[in-house]
Amino acid sequence: MQGELSGERVIVAGSEADILGKGYGRKKGRLELSLEEACFLLENEKMEIKEKEEKKLNLKDFLKHALDISPKFGVRYLVYRDLKERGYAVQPGGVDFWLYPRGAKPGEKPARYFIRILSEMDFFPLKDLAALLISARNMRKEPVIAVVDDESDITYYEVKETKFEFVEINKEKKEEKAKTTLLGDRVLLWDTNLAENLHKNDFYGKLTKEKRLLLSLVEAAYLMKKNMLEIEVREQRSEKFIDYANSIESDFMDKYAVYEDLREKGLIVKTGFKFGSHFRVYKARQQKHSSYLIHVLPAEHVFSMSELSRAIRLAHGVKKRMIFAFREKAGEENIIRYVDVGRMKL
């Protein structure tokens, strides 16, 4: 089969276009192949490509032309070839590629995924990650990130928007605020009955042998907002505690906003320090192991691929989902967005 190079396309005309059948190019009385499609056929010796009806292009010449047209062609083609060799129908479009279920033919069934392609050296803003989810909703597809590393191996990541189910929580109130003592970057609760209740029933803090409760700053701030604690900062009113916490932790308000949102959904939230994240989250009180690791980031955060890979691999290794949380402006209010990223097998 022969094709003619025409800028970003390779044109296959006449009856030869029927040899490929469905799954390639776009038909307009002829077959228009993308550079990735044509390169795959050329590499597998199923096509000859001419330049303006002149000399035949070998693979080296074709790659040079493709890279002149698109500097990212190299990583795009590696992903395209990998997906084709796995038996998928794949077409350029969507964000980078449309990916169809195995055995499906474009035009007969809709694409299931759209692929975003990155290399190990790329940087990826958190906002772009969240934007993939908006595109997914609009296109009714599932977003996938394909990362090509320096050894030309490819790792695929699924991206989901986490929607936590609301769980009814114990709304028992204490009429009188309990006294506490501020201990640097934590708060000590003296009331032994309340301490035991908060620790046993709602998994707050660490209970000492003397039945006193050591709370983190975010836990204390949340309980203070619930009118359960009174926290003095240098003999000033409790409201000054937030200013104090901000001076201890520069990202305190972002962390607190996420913590409060999760607690209000009835989830159990504990520190995720041992897993390299801000929080680990349990869906139920009787749950032995946490389901999620949640790391709080500013909306302007930009990931390196190694940072993203490291967090996801760690979560995957301990059988948890890795979720990135950030505050986003929605009109006059701030909302919390959760983006779940995990490795996937194709």
C-alpha atoms as a PDB file:
ATOM      1  CA  MET A   1       0.000   0.000   0.000  1.00  0.00           C
ATOM      2  CA  GLN A   2       1.247   3.471  -0.837  1.00  0.00           C
ATOM      3  CA  GLY A   3       0.613   6.839   0.711  1.00  0.00           C
ATOM      4  CA  GLU A   4       1.672  10.376  -0.102  1.00  0.00           C
ATOM      5  CA  LEU A   5       3.039  12.713   2.542  1.00  0.00           C
ATOM      6  CA  SER A   6       1.103  15.955   2.860  1.00  0.00           C
ATOM      7  CA  GLY A   7       2.226  18.050   5.826  1.00  0.00           C
ATOM      8  CA  GLU A   8       0.630  16.599   8.964  1.00  0.00           C
ATOM      9  CA  ARG A   9      -1.128  13.829   7.035  1.00  0.00           C
ATOM     10  CA  VAL A  10      -0.386  10.879   4.806  1.00  0.00           C
ATOM     11  CA  ILE A  11      -2.975  10.451   2.055  1.00  0.00           C
ATOM     12  CA  VAL A  12      -4.026   7.038   0.813  1.00  0.00           C
ATOM     13  CA  ALA A  13      -6.283   7.252  -2.218  1.00  0.00           C
ATOM     14  CA  GLY A  14      -8.436   4.878  -4.240  1.00  0.00           C
ATOM     15  CA  SER A  15      -9.015   1.218  -3.542  1.00  0.00           C
ATOM     16  CA  GLU A  16      -5.850   0.915  -1.471  1.00  0.00           C
ATOM     17  CA  ALA A  17      -7.580   2.816   1.317  1.00  0.00           C
ATOM     18  CA  ASP A  18      -9.972  -0.124   1.729  1.00  0.00           C
ATOM     19  CA  ILE A  19      -7.095  -2.456   2.613  1.00  0.00           C
ATOM     20  CA  LEU A  20      -6.807  -0.910   6.059  1.00  0.00           C
ATOM     21  CA  GLY A  21     -10.504  -1.136   6.794  1.00  0.00           C
ATOM     22  CA  LYS A  22     -11.943   0.767   9.735  1.00  0.00           C
ATOM     23  CA  GLY A  23      -9.835   2.094  12.564  1.00  0.00           C
ATOM     24  CA  TYR A  24      -7.468   4.371  10.674  1.00  0.00           C
ATOM     25  CA  GLY A  25      -7.601   7.947   9.528  1.00  0.00           C
ATOM     26  CA  ARG A  26     -10.572   9.979   8.393  1.00  0.00           C
ATOM     27  CA  LYS A  27     -12.359   9.264   5.142  1.00  0.00           C
ATOM     28  CA  LYS A  28     -13.364  11.983   2.690  1.00  0.00           C
ATOM     29  CA  GLY A  29     -13.345   9.897  -0.443  1.00  0.00           C
ATOM     30  CA  ARG A  30      -9.810   8.997   0.598  1.00  0.00           C
ATOM     31  CA  LEU A  31      -7.968   7.954   3.723  1.00  0.00           C
ATOM     32  CA  GLU A  32      -6.088  10.584   5.738  1.00  0.00           C
ATOM     33  CA  LEU A  33      -3.639   9.068   8.175  1.00  0.00           C
ATOM     34  CA  SER A  34      -2.109  10.939  11.069  1.00  0.00           C
ATOM     35  CA  LEU A  35       1.672  10.919  11.369  1.00  0.00           C
ATOM     36  CA  GLU A  36       1.431   8.362  14.204  1.00  0.00           C
ATOM     37  CA  GLU A  37      -0.794   6.039  12.183  1.00  0.00           C
ATOM     38  CA  ALA A  38       1.396   6.279   9.104  1.00  0.00           C
ATOM     39  CA  CYS A  39       4.595   5.744  11.102  1.00  0.00           C
ATOM     40  CA  PHE A  40       3.177   2.589  12.677  1.00  0.00           C
ATOM     41  CA  LEU A  41       2.283   1.162   9.266  1.00  0.00           C
ATOM     42  CA  LEU A  42       5.646   2.200   7.807  1.00  0.00           C
ATOM     43  CA  GLU A  43       7.586   0.643  10.705  1.00  0.00           C
ATOM     44  CA  ASN A  44       5.632  -2.593  10.313  1.00  0.00           C
ATOM     45  CA  GLU A  45       6.291  -2.621   6.532  1.00  0.00           C
ATOM     46  CA  LYS A  46       2.616  -2.347   5.656  1.00  0.00           C
ATOM     47  CA  MET A  47       2.995   0.928   3.815  1.00  0.00           C
ATOM     48  CA  GLU A  48       5.330   2.837   1.542  1.00  0.00           C
ATOM     49  CA  ILE A  49       5.298   6.607   1.809  1.00  0.00           C
ATOM     50  CA  LYS A  50       6.313   9.002  -0.949  1.00  0.00           C
ATOM     51  CA  GLU A  51       6.961  12.706  -0.702  1.00  0.00           C
ATOM     52  CA  LYS A  52       5.149  14.589  -3.482  1.00  0.00           C
ATOM     53  CA  GLU A  53       5.222  11.550  -5.798  1.00  0.00           C
ATOM     54  CA  GLU A  54       8.995  11.562  -5.636  1.00  0.00           C
ATOM     55  CA  LYS A  55      11.354   9.447  -3.544  1.00  0.00           C
ATOM     56  CA  LYS A  56      10.177   6.903  -1.017  1.00  0.00           C
ATOM     57  CA  LEU A  57      10.783   7.830   2.582  1.00  0.00           C
ATOM     58  CA  ASN A  58      12.491   5.375   4.887  1.00  0.00           C
ATOM     59  CA  LEU A  59      11.627   5.317   8.584  1.00  0.00           C
ATOM     60  CA  LYS A  60      14.521   7.630   9.497  1.00  0.00           C
ATOM     61  CA  ASP A  61      13.451  10.285   6.972  1.00  0.00           C
ATOM     62  CA  PHE A  62       9.820  10.018   8.021  1.00  0.00           C
ATOM     63  CA  LEU A  63      10.692  10.459  11.707  1.00  0.00           C
ATOM     64  CA  LYS A  64      12.735  13.567  10.847  1.00  0.00           C
ATOM     65  CA  HIS A  65       9.762  15.044   8.994  1.00  0.00           C
ATOM     66  CA  ALA A  66       7.349  14.180  11.846  1.00  0.00           C
ATOM     67  CA  LEU A  67       9.616  15.757  14.467  1.00  0.00           C
ATOM     68  CA  ASP A  68       9.912  18.926  12.364  1.00  0.00           C
ATOM     69  CA  ILE A  69       6.107  19.114  12.348  1.00  0.00           C
ATOM     70  CA  SER A  70       5.641  18.162  16.012  1.00  0.00           C
ATOM     71  CA  PRO A  71       8.553  18.211  18.513  1.00  0.00           C
ATOM     72  CA  LYS A  72       6.476  15.963  20.813  1.00  0.00           C
ATOM     73  CA  PHE A  73       6.047  13.335  18.100  1.00  0.00           C
ATOM     74  CA  GLY A  74       8.550  10.966  19.719  1.00  0.00           C
ATOM     75  CA  VAL A  75       6.622  10.441  22.959  1.00  0.00           C
ATOM     76  CA  ARG A  76       3.290  10.505  21.120  1.00  0.00           C
ATOM     77  CA  TYR A  77       4.388   7.749  18.785  1.00  0.00           C
ATOM     78  CA  LEU A  78       5.767   5.587  21.602  1.00  0.00           C
ATOM     79  CA  VAL A  79       2.359   5.704  23.311  1.00  0.00           C
ATOM     80  CA  TYR A  80       0.488   5.109  20.046  1.00  0.00           C
ATOM     81  CA  ARG A  81       2.631   2.093  19.181  1.00  0.00           C
ATOM     82  CA  ASP A  82       2.329   0.662  22.699  1.00  0.00           C
ATOM     83  CA  LEU A  83      -1.464   0.873  22.606  1.00  0.00           C
ATOM     84  CA  LYS A  84      -1.669  -0.655  19.122  1.00  0.00           C
ATOM     85  CA  GLU A  85       0.589  -3.522  20.154  1.00  0.00           C
ATOM     86  CA  ARG A  86      -1.707  -4.154  23.119  1.00  0.00           C
ATOM     87  CA  GLY A  87      -4.569  -4.673  20.670  1.00  0.00           C
ATOM     88  CA  TYR A  88      -6.407  -1.378  21.125  1.00  0.00           C
ATOM     89  CA  ALA A  89      -7.978   0.788  18.476  1.00  0.00           C
ATOM     90  CA  VAL A  90      -6.537   4.260  18.967  1.00  0.00           C
ATOM     91  CA  GLN A  91      -6.985   7.483  17.025  1.00  0.00           C
ATOM     92  CA  PRO A  92      -5.563  10.994  17.386  1.00  0.00           C
ATOM     93  CA  GLY A  93      -8.173  13.303  18.885  1.00  0.00           C
ATOM     94  CA  GLY A  94      -9.640  14.295  22.221  1.00  0.00           C
ATOM     95  CA  VAL A  95      -6.712  15.629  24.243  1.00  0.00           C
ATOM     96  CA  ASP A  96      -4.029  13.550  22.508  1.00  0.00           C
ATOM     97  CA  PHE A  97      -5.647  10.217  21.566  1.00  0.00           C
ATOM     98  CA  TRP A  98      -9.022   8.537  21.660  1.00  0.00           C
ATOM     99  CA  LEU A  99      -8.801   4.994  23.020  1.00  0.00           C
ATOM    100  CA  TYR A 100     -11.437   2.392  22.188  1.00  0.00           C
ATOM    101  CA  PRO A 101     -12.151  -0.907  23.976  1.00  0.00           C
ATOM    102  CA  ARG A 102     -10.356  -3.952  22.590  1.00  0.00           C
ATOM    103  CA  GLY A 103     -12.150  -5.316  19.554  1.00  0.00           C
ATOM    104  CA  ALA A 104     -14.102  -2.097  19.019  1.00  0.00           C
ATOM    105  CA  LYS A 105     -13.890  -0.218  15.731  1.00  0.00           C
ATOM    106  CA  PRO A 106     -14.022   3.574  15.570  1.00  0.00           C
ATOM    107  CA  GLY A 107     -17.344   4.654  14.124  1.00  0.00           C
ATOM    108  CA  GLU A 108     -19.118   1.586  15.454  1.00  0.00           C
ATOM    109  CA  LYS A 109     -18.596   2.182  19.166  1.00  0.00           C
ATOM    110  CA  PRO A 110     -17.598   5.359  21.024  1.00  0.00           C
ATOM    111  CA  ALA A 111     -14.159   5.795  22.553  1.00  0.00           C
ATOM    112  CA  ARG A 112     -13.983   4.907  26.235  1.00  0.00           C
ATOM    113  CA  TYR A 113     -10.899   6.949  27.185  1.00  0.00           C
ATOM    114  CA  PHE A 114      -9.003  10.007  26.102  1.00  0.00           C
ATOM    115  CA  ILE A 115      -5.250  10.005  26.588  1.00  0.00           C
ATOM    116  CA  ARG A 116      -3.037  12.871  27.780  1.00  0.00           C
ATOM    117  CA  ILE A 117       0.628  12.218  26.954  1.00  0.00           C
ATOM    118  CA  LEU A 118       3.575  13.484  29.014  1.00  0.00           C
ATOM    119  CA  SER A 119       7.251  12.679  29.310  1.00  0.00           C
ATOM    120  CA  GLU A 120       9.213  12.109  32.493  1.00  0.00           C
ATOM    121  CA  MET A 121      10.746  15.581  32.136  1.00  0.00           C
ATOM    122  CA  ASP A 122       7.418  17.429  31.884  1.00  0.00           C
ATOM    123  CA  PHE A 123       5.709  19.475  34.583  1.00  0.00           C
ATOM    124  CA  PHE A 124       1.958  19.298  35.084  1.00  0.00           C
ATOM    125  CA  PRO A 125      -0.084  21.992  36.894  1.00  0.00           C
ATOM    126  CA  LEU A 126      -2.680  20.780  39.375  1.00  0.00           C
ATOM    127  CA  LYS A 127      -5.231  22.968  37.600  1.00  0.00           C
ATOM    128  CA  ASP A 128      -4.573  21.068  34.357  1.00  0.00           C
ATOM    129  CA  LEU A 129      -5.130  17.813  36.199  1.00  0.00           C
ATOM    130  CA  ALA A 130      -8.478  19.108  37.465  1.00  0.00           C
ATOM    131  CA  ALA A 131      -9.302  20.404  33.971  1.00  0.00           C
ATOM    132  CA  LEU A 132      -9.010  16.836  32.639  1.00  0.00           C
ATOM    133  CA  LEU A 133     -11.964  15.915  34.820  1.00  0.00           C
ATOM    134  CA  ILE A 134     -14.049  18.755  33.421  1.00  0.00           C
ATOM    135  CA  SER A 135     -13.190  17.586  29.890  1.00  0.00           C
ATOM    136  CA  ALA A 136     -14.092  14.031  30.886  1.00  0.00           C
ATOM    137  CA  ARG A 137     -17.542  15.094  32.079  1.00  0.00           C
ATOM    138  CA  ASN A 138     -18.149  17.123  28.934  1.00  0.00           C
ATOM    139  CA  MET A 139     -17.013  14.329  26.614  1.00  0.00           C
ATOM    140  CA  ARG A 140     -18.389  11.467  28.739  1.00  0.00           C
ATOM    141  CA  LYS A 141     -15.042   9.711  28.636  1.00  0.00           C
ATOM    142  CA  GLU A 142     -12.519   8.522  31.203  1.00  0.00           C
ATOM    143  CA  PRO A 143      -9.232  10.459  31.307  1.00  0.00           C
ATOM    144  CA  VAL A 144      -5.894   8.637  31.242  1.00  0.00           C
ATOM    145  CA  ILE A 145      -2.406  10.098  31.620  1.00  0.00           C
ATOM    146  CA  ALA A 146       0.382   8.278  29.785  1.00  0.00           C
ATOM    147  CA  VAL A 147       3.877   9.129  31.053  1.00  0.00           C
ATOM    148  CA  VAL A 148       6.904   8.096  28.980  1.00  0.00           C
ATOM    149  CA  ASP A 149      10.024   7.766  31.121  1.00  0.00           C
ATOM    150  CA  ASP A 150      13.688   8.155  30.126  1.00  0.00           C
ATOM    151  CA  GLU A 151      13.918   4.436  29.273  1.00  0.00           C
ATOM    152  CA  SER A 152      10.898   4.813  26.957  1.00  0.00           C
ATOM    153  CA  ASP A 153       8.713   2.717  29.253  1.00  0.00           C
ATOM    154  CA  ILE A 154       5.138   3.939  29.638  1.00  0.00           C
ATOM    155  CA  THR A 155       3.072   4.187  32.824  1.00  0.00           C
ATOM    156  CA  TYR A 156      -0.660   4.800  32.604  1.00  0.00           C
ATOM    157  CA  TYR A 157      -2.616   6.647  35.287  1.00  0.00           C
ATOM    158  CA  GLU A 158      -6.380   6.914  35.682  1.00  0.00           C
ATOM    159  CA  VAL A 159      -7.805  10.219  36.907  1.00  0.00           C
ATOM    160  CA  LYS A 160     -11.063  10.400  38.842  1.00  0.00           C
ATOM    161  CA  GLU A 161     -12.999  12.999  40.774  1.00  0.00           C
ATOM    162  CA  THR A 162     -13.637  11.646  44.260  1.00  0.00           C
ATOM    163  CA  LYS A 163     -17.128  11.998  45.628  1.00  0.00           C
ATOM    164  CA  PHE A 164     -17.291  10.866  49.221  1.00  0.00           C
ATOM    165  CA  GLU A 165     -20.528   9.383  50.473  1.00  0.00           C
ATOM    166  CA  PHE A 166     -22.000  11.282  53.409  1.00  0.00           C
ATOM    167  CA  VAL A 167     -21.973   9.317  56.660  1.00  0.00           C
ATOM    168  CA  GLU A 168     -24.177  10.323  59.595  1.00  0.00           C
ATOM    169  CA  ILE A 169     -22.016  11.487  62.472  1.00  0.00           C
ATOM    170  CA  ASN A 170     -22.499  11.727  66.200  1.00  0.00           C
ATOM    171  CA  LYS A 171     -23.732  15.251  66.925  1.00  0.00           C
ATOM    172  CA  GLU A 172     -23.638  14.993  70.689  1.00  0.00           C
ATOM    173  CA  LYS A 173     -22.745  18.370  72.185  1.00  0.00           C
ATOM    174  CA  LYS A 174     -21.030  19.318  75.394  1.00  0.00           C
ATOM    175  CA  GLU A 175     -22.716  22.288  77.037  1.00  0.00           C
ATOM    176  CA  GLU A 176     -19.539  23.663  78.582  1.00  0.00           C
ATOM    177  CA  LYS A 177     -16.310  24.142  76.655  1.00  0.00           C
ATOM    178  CA  ALA A 178     -13.493  21.921  77.887  1.00  0.00           C
ATOM    179  CA  LYS A 179     -10.238  23.459  79.076  1.00  0.00           C
ATOM    180  CA  THR A 180      -7.047  22.796  77.172  1.00  0.00           C
ATOM    181  CA  THR A 181      -3.379  23.694  77.225  1.00  0.00           C
ATOM    182  CA  LEU A 182      -1.429  24.696  74.157  1.00  0.00           C
ATOM    183  CA  LEU A 183       1.780  22.669  73.809  1.00  0.00           C
ATOM    184  CA  GLY A 184       3.595  24.231  70.876  1.00  0.00           C
ATOM    185  CA  ASP A 185       2.296  22.436  67.783  1.00  0.00           C
ATOM    186  CA  ARG A 186      -0.417  20.438  69.602  1.00  0.00           C
ATOM    187  CA  VAL A 187      -3.158  20.866  72.190  1.00  0.00           C
ATOM    188  CA  LEU A 188      -3.687  18.920  75.436  1.00  0.00           C
ATOM    189  CA  LEU A 189      -7.258  18.206  76.543  1.00  0.00           C
ATOM    190  CA  TRP A 190      -7.587  17.663  80.328  1.00  0.00           C
ATOM    191  CA  ASP A 191     -11.196  16.415  80.617  1.00  0.00           C
ATOM    192  CA  THR A 192     -10.707  12.645  80.870  1.00  0.00           C
ATOM    193  CA  ASN A 193     -14.310  11.700  80.072  1.00  0.00           C
ATOM    194  CA  LEU A 194     -14.421  13.863  76.973  1.00  0.00           C
ATOM    195  CA  ALA A 195     -10.925  12.734  75.993  1.00  0.00           C
ATOM    196  CA  GLU A 196     -11.913   9.053  76.105  1.00  0.00           C
ATOM    197  CA  ASN A 197     -15.152   9.721  74.237  1.00  0.00           C
ATOM    198  CA  LEU A 198     -13.489  11.706  71.438  1.00  0.00           C
ATOM    199  CA  HIS A 199     -10.722   9.159  71.043  1.00  0.00           C
ATOM    200  CA  LYS A 200     -12.832   5.988  71.261  1.00  0.00           C
ATOM    201  CA  ASN A 201     -15.891   7.080  69.290  1.00  0.00           C
ATOM    202  CA  ASP A 202     -14.502   9.592  66.793  1.00  0.00           C
ATOM    203  CA  PHE A 203     -10.791   8.674  66.712  1.00  0.00           C
ATOM    204  CA  TYR A 204      -9.406  12.072  67.634  1.00  0.00           C
ATOM    205  CA  GLY A 205      -5.816  12.485  68.779  1.00  0.00           C
ATOM    206  CA  LYS A 206      -3.660  10.258  70.958  1.00  0.00           C
ATOM    207  CA  LEU A 207      -4.861   9.195  74.397  1.00  0.00           C
ATOM    208  CA  THR A 208      -2.222   9.157  77.146  1.00  0.00           C
ATOM    209  CA  LYS A 209      -2.028   6.691  80.028  1.00  0.00           C
ATOM    210  CA  GLU A 210      -3.564   9.378  82.237  1.00  0.00           C
ATOM    211  CA  LYS A 211      -6.619   9.574  79.898  1.00  0.00           C
ATOM    212  CA  ARG A 212      -5.667  12.964  78.502  1.00  0.00           C
ATOM    213  CA  LEU A 213      -5.933  13.673  74.819  1.00  0.00           C
ATOM    214  CA  LEU A 214      -3.194  15.115  72.617  1.00  0.00           C
ATOM    215  CA  LEU A 215      -4.725  16.831  69.573  1.00  0.00           C
ATOM    216  CA  SER A 216      -3.142  18.168  66.404  1.00  0.00           C
ATOM    217  CA  LEU A 217      -3.724  21.811  65.514  1.00  0.00           C
ATOM    218  CA  VAL A 218      -6.322  20.973  62.842  1.00  0.00           C
ATOM    219  CA  GLU A 219      -8.195  18.614  65.185  1.00  0.00           C
ATOM    220  CA  ALA A 220      -8.225  21.235  67.928  1.00  0.00           C
ATOM    221  CA  ALA A 221      -9.386  23.971  65.532  1.00  0.00           C
ATOM    222  CA  TYR A 222     -12.262  21.790  64.329  1.00  0.00           C
ATOM    223  CA  LEU A 223     -13.390  20.908  67.861  1.00  0.00           C
ATOM    224  CA  MET A 224     -13.057  24.548  68.855  1.00  0.00           C
ATOM    225  CA  LYS A 225     -15.378  25.510  65.999  1.00  0.00           C
ATOM    226  CA  LYS A 226     -17.836  22.914  67.312  1.00  0.00           C
ATOM    227  CA  ASN A 227     -17.774  24.786  70.650  1.00  0.00           C
ATOM    228  CA  MET A 228     -16.282  21.809  72.441  1.00  0.00           C
ATOM    229  CA  LEU A 229     -12.914  23.285  73.397  1.00  0.00           C
ATOM    230  CA  GLU A 230     -11.539  26.496  74.774  1.00  0.00           C
ATOM    231  CA  ILE A 231      -7.987  27.179  73.649  1.00  0.00           C
ATOM    232  CA  GLU A 232      -6.008  30.030  75.122  1.00  0.00           C
ATOM    233  CA  VAL A 233      -3.070  31.509  73.239  1.00  0.00           C
ATOM    234  CA  ARG A 234      -0.842  33.542  75.528  1.00  0.00           C
ATOM    235  CA  GLU A 235      -3.880  34.263  77.713  1.00  0.00           C
ATOM    236  CA  GLN A 236      -5.868  35.655  74.786  1.00  0.00           C
ATOM    237  CA  ARG A 237      -9.266  34.579  73.434  1.00  0.00           C
ATOM    238  CA  SER A 238      -9.694  31.315  71.531  1.00  0.00           C
ATOM    239  CA  GLU A 239     -10.176  33.151  68.220  1.00  0.00           C
ATOM    240  CA  LYS A 240      -6.463  33.976  68.285  1.00  0.00           C
ATOM    241  CA  PHE A 241      -5.728  30.260  68.005  1.00  0.00           C
ATOM    242  CA  ILE A 242      -6.208  30.302  64.215  1.00  0.00           C
ATOM    243  CA  ASP A 243      -3.640  33.091  63.869  1.00  0.00           C
ATOM    244  CA  TYR A 244      -1.301  31.116  66.084  1.00  0.00           C
ATOM    245  CA  ALA A 245      -1.786  27.909  64.049  1.00  0.00           C
ATOM    246  CA  ASN A 246      -1.069  29.856  60.858  1.00  0.00           C
ATOM    247  CA  SER A 247       2.203  31.020  62.335  1.00  0.00           C
ATOM    248  CA  ILE A 248       3.187  27.404  63.096  1.00  0.00           C
ATOM    249  CA  GLU A 249       2.073  25.859  59.794  1.00  0.00           C
ATOM    250  CA  SER A 250       2.161  28.016  56.659  1.00  0.00           C
ATOM    251  CA  ASP A 251      -0.416  25.794  54.924  1.00  0.00           C
ATOM    252  CA  PHE A 252      -2.655  25.471  57.989  1.00  0.00           C
ATOM    253  CA  MET A 253      -5.773  27.082  56.463  1.00  0.00           C
ATOM    254  CA  ASP A 254      -5.661  24.847  53.373  1.00  0.00           C
ATOM    255  CA  LYS A 255      -5.195  21.762  55.552  1.00  0.00           C
ATOM    256  CA  TYR A 256      -7.921  22.848  57.944  1.00  0.00           C
ATOM    257  CA  ALA A 257     -10.427  23.516  55.142  1.00  0.00           C
ATOM    258  CA  VAL A 258      -9.926  19.989  53.792  1.00  0.00           C
ATOM    259  CA  TYR A 259      -9.983  18.426  57.267  1.00  0.00           C
ATOM    260  CA  GLU A 260     -13.243  20.175  58.138  1.00  0.00           C
ATOM    261  CA  ASP A 261     -14.834  19.188  54.840  1.00  0.00           C
ATOM    262  CA  LEU A 262     -13.933  15.519  55.346  1.00  0.00           C
ATOM    263  CA  ARG A 263     -15.097  15.487  58.976  1.00  0.00           C
ATOM    264  CA  GLU A 264     -18.394  17.111  58.004  1.00  0.00           C
ATOM    265  CA  LYS A 265     -18.892  14.236  55.562  1.00  0.00           C
ATOM    266  CA  GLY A 266     -18.633  11.831  58.496  1.00  0.00           C
ATOM    267  CA  LEU A 267     -15.189  10.460  57.579  1.00  0.00           C
ATOM    268  CA  ILE A 268     -12.470   9.579  60.074  1.00  0.00           C
ATOM    269  CA  VAL A 269      -9.376  11.682  59.401  1.00  0.00           C
ATOM    270  CA  LYS A 270      -5.954  10.953  60.869  1.00  0.00           C
ATOM    271  CA  THR A 271      -2.448  12.112  60.029  1.00  0.00           C
ATOM    272  CA  GLY A 272      -0.910  10.602  56.890  1.00  0.00           C
ATOM    273  CA  PHE A 273       2.671  11.420  57.896  1.00  0.00           C
ATOM    274  CA  LYS A 274       3.873   7.807  57.811  1.00  0.00           C
ATOM    275  CA  PHE A 275       2.660   7.607  54.223  1.00  0.00           C
ATOM    276  CA  GLY A 276       4.134  10.919  53.120  1.00  0.00           C
ATOM    277  CA  SER A 277       0.793  12.735  52.926  1.00  0.00           C
ATOM    278  CA  HIS A 278      -1.231  15.090  55.112  1.00  0.00           C
ATOM    279  CA  PHE A 279      -4.105  12.761  55.986  1.00  0.00           C
ATOM    280  CA  ARG A 280      -5.190   9.157  55.889  1.00  0.00           C
ATOM    281  CA  VAL A 281      -8.949   8.682  55.735  1.00  0.00           C
ATOM    282  CA  TYR A 282     -11.270   5.907  56.914  1.00  0.00           C
ATOM    283  CA  LYS A 283     -14.755   5.484  55.490  1.00  0.00           C
ATOM    284  CA  ALA A 284     -16.160   3.805  58.616  1.00  0.00           C
ATOM    285  CA  ARG A 285     -15.357   3.569  62.320  1.00  0.00           C
ATOM    286  CA  GLN A 286     -14.978  -0.209  62.232  1.00  0.00           C
ATOM    287  CA  GLN A 287     -12.564  -0.058  59.296  1.00  0.00           C
ATOM    288  CA  LYS A 288      -9.153  -1.487  60.197  1.00  0.00           C
ATOM    289  CA  HIS A 289      -7.153   0.131  57.400  1.00  0.00           C
ATOM    290  CA  SER A 290      -7.646   3.542  55.798  1.00  0.00           C
ATOM    291  CA  SER A 291      -8.968   3.795  52.242  1.00  0.00           C
ATOM    292  CA  TYR A 292      -7.404   7.056  51.085  1.00  0.00           C
ATOM    293  CA  LEU A 293      -4.291   9.136  51.387  1.00  0.00           C
ATOM    294  CA  ILE A 294      -5.036  12.822  50.958  1.00  0.00           C
ATOM    295  CA  HIS A 295      -2.411  15.450  50.278  1.00  0.00           C
ATOM    296  CA  VAL A 296      -3.434  19.118  50.380  1.00  0.00           C
ATOM    297  CA  LEU A 297      -1.933  21.438  47.801  1.00  0.00           C
ATOM    298  CA  PRO A 298      -2.333  25.079  46.783  1.00  0.00           C
ATOM    299  CA  ALA A 299      -4.380  25.490  43.609  1.00  0.00           C
ATOM    300  CA  GLU A 300      -1.280  26.897  41.859  1.00  0.00           C
ATOM    301  CA  HIS A 301       0.825  23.783  42.528  1.00  0.00           C
ATOM    302  CA  VAL A 302       2.775  22.311  39.603  1.00  0.00           C
ATOM    303  CA  PHE A 303       3.745  18.626  39.706  1.00  0.00           C
ATOM    304  CA  SER A 304       6.974  17.171  38.453  1.00  0.00           C
ATOM    305  CA  MET A 305       6.400  13.702  37.042  1.00  0.00           C
ATOM    306  CA  SER A 306       8.685  12.154  39.666  1.00  0.00           C
ATOM    307  CA  GLU A 307       6.658  13.790  42.460  1.00  0.00           C
ATOM    308  CA  LEU A 308       3.398  12.508  41.009  1.00  0.00           C
ATOM    309  CA  SER A 309       4.798   9.023  40.426  1.00  0.00           C
ATOM    310  CA  ARG A 310       6.299   8.785  43.916  1.00  0.00           C
ATOM    311  CA  ALA A 311       3.034   9.673  45.680  1.00  0.00           C
ATOM    312  CA  ILE A 312       0.929   7.329  43.558  1.00  0.00           C
ATOM    313  CA  ARG A 313       3.338   4.398  43.832  1.00  0.00           C
ATOM    314  CA  LEU A 314       3.479   4.723  47.625  1.00  0.00           C
ATOM    315  CA  ALA A 315      -0.325   4.786  47.888  1.00  0.00           C
ATOM    316  CA  HIS A 316      -0.602   1.849  45.492  1.00  0.00           C
ATOM    317  CA  GLY A 317       1.946  -0.094  47.539  1.00  0.00           C
ATOM    318  CA  VAL A 318      -0.131   0.206  50.724  1.00  0.00           C
ATOM    319  CA  LYS A 319      -3.422  -0.468  48.885  1.00  0.00           C
ATOM    320  CA  LYS A 320      -4.865   3.024  49.184  1.00  0.00           C
ATOM    321  CA  ARG A 321      -6.107   5.624  46.731  1.00  0.00           C
ATOM    322  CA  MET A 322      -3.971   8.766  46.294  1.00  0.00           C
ATOM    323  CA  ILE A 323      -6.099  11.893  46.357  1.00  0.00           C
ATOM    324  CA  PHE A 324      -4.904  15.463  45.883  1.00  0.00           C
ATOM    325  CA  ALA A 325      -7.096  18.132  47.480  1.00  0.00           C
ATOM    326  CA  PHE A 326      -7.149  21.875  46.878  1.00  0.00           C
ATOM    327  CA  ARG A 327      -9.348  24.896  47.452  1.00  0.00           C
ATOM    328  CA  GLU A 328     -10.951  26.455  44.401  1.00  0.00           C
ATOM    329  CA  LYS A 329     -12.819  29.724  44.104  1.00  0.00           C
ATOM    330  CA  ALA A 330     -16.454  29.320  43.045  1.00  0.00           C
ATOM    331  CA  GLY A 331     -18.104  32.719  42.935  1.00  0.00           C
ATOM    332  CA  GLU A 332     -17.849  34.200  46.412  1.00  0.00           C
ATOM    333  CA  GLU A 333     -17.076  30.873  48.069  1.00  0.00           C
ATOM    334  CA  ASN A 334     -14.213  28.420  48.257  1.00  0.00           C
ATOM    335  CA  ILE A 335     -14.966  24.796  47.446  1.00  0.00           C
ATOM    336  CA  ILE A 336     -12.785  21.748  48.011  1.00  0.00           C
ATOM    337  CA  ARG A 337     -11.836  19.704  44.948  1.00  0.00           C
ATOM    338  CA  TYR A 338     -10.525  16.151  45.221  1.00  0.00           C
ATOM    339  CA  VAL A 339      -8.589  14.546  42.369  1.00  0.00           C
ATOM    340  CA  ASP A 340      -7.915  10.811  42.588  1.00  0.00           C
ATOM    341  CA  VAL A 341      -4.946   9.576  40.554  1.00  0.00           C
ATOM    342  CA  GLY A 342      -3.950   5.898  40.409  1.00  0.00           C
ATOM    343  CA  ARG A 343      -1.940   3.502  38.290  1.00  0.00           C
ATOM    344  CA  MET A 344      -3.913   1.442  35.831  1.00  0.00           C
ATOM    345  CA  LYS A 345      -3.322  -1.613  33.684  1.00  0.00           C
ATOM    346  CA  LEU A 346      -4.422  -1.436  30.090  1.00  0.00           C
END
